[in-house]
Protein backbone atom coordinates (compact mmCIF):
# COMPACT_ATOMS: atom_id res chain seq x y z
CA MET A 1 106.93 105.56 120.48
CA ARG A 2 106.99 109.16 121.61
CA GLY A 3 103.73 109.90 119.84
CA ASN A 4 104.91 108.86 116.32
CA PRO A 5 101.71 107.65 114.66
CA HIS A 6 103.44 105.15 112.39
CA PHE A 7 102.82 101.63 113.57
CA ALA A 8 100.70 98.60 112.81
CA ILE A 9 99.11 95.48 114.20
CA ASN A 10 100.17 92.24 112.57
CA ILE A 11 98.49 88.80 112.49
CA ALA A 12 99.80 85.85 110.46
CA TYR A 13 98.71 82.27 110.20
CA PHE A 14 101.39 79.63 109.81
CA LYS A 15 100.91 75.98 108.84
CA LYS A 16 103.87 73.58 108.55
CA GLY A 17 106.31 76.54 108.51
CA LYS A 18 104.49 78.44 105.72
CA VAL A 19 102.64 81.68 106.07
CA LEU A 20 99.13 81.02 104.64
CA CYS A 21 97.50 84.34 105.36
CA GLY A 22 98.30 87.62 107.03
CA VAL A 23 96.86 90.92 108.06
CA THR A 24 98.57 94.23 108.88
CA TYR A 25 96.36 97.00 110.16
CA ASP A 26 97.41 100.69 110.42
CA PRO A 27 94.84 102.17 112.78
CA VAL A 28 95.97 105.75 112.21
CA LYS A 29 95.44 105.63 108.44
CA LYS A 30 92.72 103.04 108.70
CA GLU A 31 94.49 100.82 106.16
CA MET A 32 94.10 97.09 106.33
CA PHE A 33 96.47 94.99 104.23
CA PHE A 34 95.50 91.38 103.75
CA ALA A 35 96.90 88.39 101.76
CA GLU A 36 96.08 84.75 101.44
CA LYS A 37 98.56 82.36 99.82
CA GLY A 38 97.69 81.94 96.16
CA LYS A 39 94.85 84.50 96.24
CA GLY A 40 96.57 87.87 96.03
CA ALA A 41 97.20 90.88 98.25
CA PHE A 42 94.69 93.58 99.15
CA LEU A 43 94.46 96.99 100.76
CA ASN A 44 91.06 97.83 102.21
CA GLY A 45 89.52 95.20 99.92
CA GLU A 46 91.15 96.42 96.71
CA ARG A 47 93.80 94.22 95.01
CA ILE A 48 97.34 95.63 95.19
CA LYS A 49 100.40 95.13 93.06
CA VAL A 50 104.07 96.10 93.43
CA SER A 51 105.39 99.07 91.47
CA GLN A 52 106.78 98.58 87.97
CA ASN A 53 109.52 101.08 88.47
CA ARG A 54 112.68 99.89 86.61
CA GLU A 55 114.96 102.82 87.44
CA LEU A 56 116.81 102.84 90.73
CA SER A 57 117.26 106.61 90.38
CA LYS A 58 113.47 106.98 90.58
CA GLY A 59 113.18 104.39 93.32
CA ILE A 60 112.31 104.55 96.97
CA VAL A 61 113.94 101.95 99.34
CA GLY A 62 113.08 101.58 102.99
CA ILE A 63 115.95 100.70 105.28
CA GLY A 64 115.70 99.50 108.83
CA LEU A 65 118.20 100.76 111.37
CA PRO A 66 118.13 98.22 114.12
CA TYR A 67 118.44 99.47 117.71
CA ARG A 68 120.45 96.37 118.38
CA GLY A 69 123.22 95.13 116.08
CA LYS A 70 125.68 97.96 116.32
CA GLU A 71 128.12 95.65 114.64
CA LEU A 72 126.28 96.32 111.39
CA ILE A 73 127.01 100.11 111.41
CA GLU A 74 129.62 99.78 108.63
CA GLU A 75 127.18 97.78 106.43
CA GLN A 76 124.40 100.26 107.10
CA THR A 77 126.68 103.19 106.25
CA ARG A 78 127.74 101.47 102.98
CA ILE A 79 124.14 100.70 102.09
CA TYR A 80 122.99 104.33 102.53
CA LYS A 81 126.05 105.73 100.69
CA THR A 82 125.64 103.29 97.86
CA LEU A 83 121.93 103.96 97.42
CA PHE A 84 122.53 107.71 97.63
CA LEU A 85 125.27 107.64 95.01
CA ASN A 86 122.96 105.65 92.70
CA GLY A 87 120.29 108.36 93.03
CA CYS A 88 117.82 106.28 95.09
CA ALA A 89 115.71 107.85 97.77
CA THR A 90 115.70 106.08 101.13
CA ARG A 91 113.26 105.97 104.02
CA HIS A 92 113.54 104.88 107.62
CA THR A 93 110.08 104.77 109.21
CA GLY A 94 110.60 102.38 112.08
CA SER A 95 107.84 99.99 111.02
CA ALA A 96 109.00 97.00 108.99
CA ALA A 97 105.40 95.72 108.88
CA LEU A 98 104.26 98.87 107.04
CA ASP A 99 107.33 99.09 104.84
CA LEU A 100 106.71 95.56 103.53
CA ALA A 101 103.05 96.48 102.91
CA TYR A 102 104.27 99.64 101.09
CA VAL A 103 106.49 97.50 98.78
CA ALA A 104 103.41 95.33 98.13
CA CYS A 105 101.17 98.26 97.15
CA GLY A 106 103.86 100.17 95.16
CA ARG A 107 104.64 102.94 97.56
CA TYR A 108 108.24 101.65 97.93
CA ASP A 109 110.29 99.74 95.39
CA GLY A 110 112.28 97.82 97.92
CA ILE A 111 113.34 97.43 101.55
CA ILE A 112 116.21 95.89 103.48
CA TYR A 113 115.96 95.01 107.23
CA PHE A 114 117.99 93.24 109.89
CA TYR A 115 117.31 92.02 113.45
CA LEU A 116 113.53 91.60 113.23
CA SER A 117 111.27 88.82 114.52
CA PRO A 118 108.90 86.59 112.59
CA TRP A 119 105.86 88.53 113.89
CA ASP A 120 107.30 91.73 112.38
CA VAL A 121 107.67 90.32 108.91
CA ALA A 122 105.49 87.25 108.29
CA SER A 123 102.45 89.01 106.90
CA GLY A 124 104.50 91.49 104.91
CA ILE A 125 106.54 88.74 103.22
CA LEU A 126 103.26 87.21 101.98
CA PHE A 127 101.95 90.61 100.84
CA VAL A 128 105.04 91.24 98.72
CA GLU A 129 104.98 87.78 97.15
CA GLU A 130 101.25 87.82 96.47
CA ALA A 131 101.51 91.36 94.99
CA GLY A 132 104.17 90.18 92.49
CA GLY A 133 107.37 91.13 94.33
CA LYS A 134 110.34 89.11 95.48
CA VAL A 135 111.79 88.48 98.99
CA GLU A 136 115.13 87.01 99.98
CA GLY A 137 117.12 86.60 103.14
CA VAL A 138 120.30 88.52 103.83
CA MET A 139 123.64 87.62 105.34
CA GLY A 140 122.88 83.85 105.48
CA LYS A 141 119.46 84.24 107.21
CA ARG A 142 116.00 83.35 106.01
CA PRO A 143 113.52 86.19 105.47
CA ILE A 144 111.16 84.84 108.16
CA GLU A 145 114.06 85.26 110.64
CA GLY A 146 113.70 89.04 110.14
CA TRP A 147 116.82 89.53 107.96
CA LEU A 148 115.39 90.36 104.55
CA PHE A 149 115.55 92.15 101.29
CA ALA A 150 112.25 92.69 99.36
CA THR A 151 111.63 94.44 96.13
CA ASN A 152 109.04 94.94 93.38
CA GLY A 153 110.82 92.13 91.53
CA VAL A 154 111.55 94.39 88.59
CA ILE A 155 114.68 96.03 90.18
CA HIS A 156 115.47 93.02 92.37
CA GLU A 157 118.70 91.88 90.59
CA THR A 158 119.93 95.46 90.00
CA LEU A 159 119.42 96.42 93.67
CA LYS A 160 120.85 93.06 94.77
CA ASP A 161 124.02 93.66 92.71
CA ILE A 162 124.39 97.04 94.28
CA LEU A 163 123.77 95.94 97.86
CA ASN A 164 125.67 92.60 97.84
CA PRO A 165 129.13 94.16 98.25
CA CYS A 166 127.81 96.16 101.23
CA LEU A 167 126.95 93.11 103.24
CA LYS A 168 129.08 90.34 104.79
CA GLY A 169 127.51 87.15 103.37
CA GLY A 170 125.48 89.14 100.83
CA ILE A 171 121.88 88.71 99.91
CA GLY A 172 120.36 85.31 99.40
């Protein structure tokens, strides 16, 4: 979009409603993320793991700002304010696929997204889980529906406790 070179190509294989493998390719950086259920997550053939950061004040959390869903502006504002006041850095890149991959490889400690589609998140959910992280739905939706919260697992409950009051219906 407008020459911003931050995008990815996603492919995921589902069987009986479960994601069994997925690939996300960033052609600009020549990075290929891959995961197979039960076999780990990889970046350009090297195994990846989520960060082990335990301190929110040293964390980076990606947040999606949906182009639809203006009714969530109050929630979005509360999320940013809450993270900022807790000393957490935030990022908005416009690519949920890459943000999930970045949680899986430890570049980010968490993300929160709304209004996505399964093809945006299926591979990334598997990456995070296979790399040792945790993924939950938000506001009564399932992660595969594109309403999700993913972390390195270490800060999951802390970040969840901070974000829950910001959201109608909370996380989980």
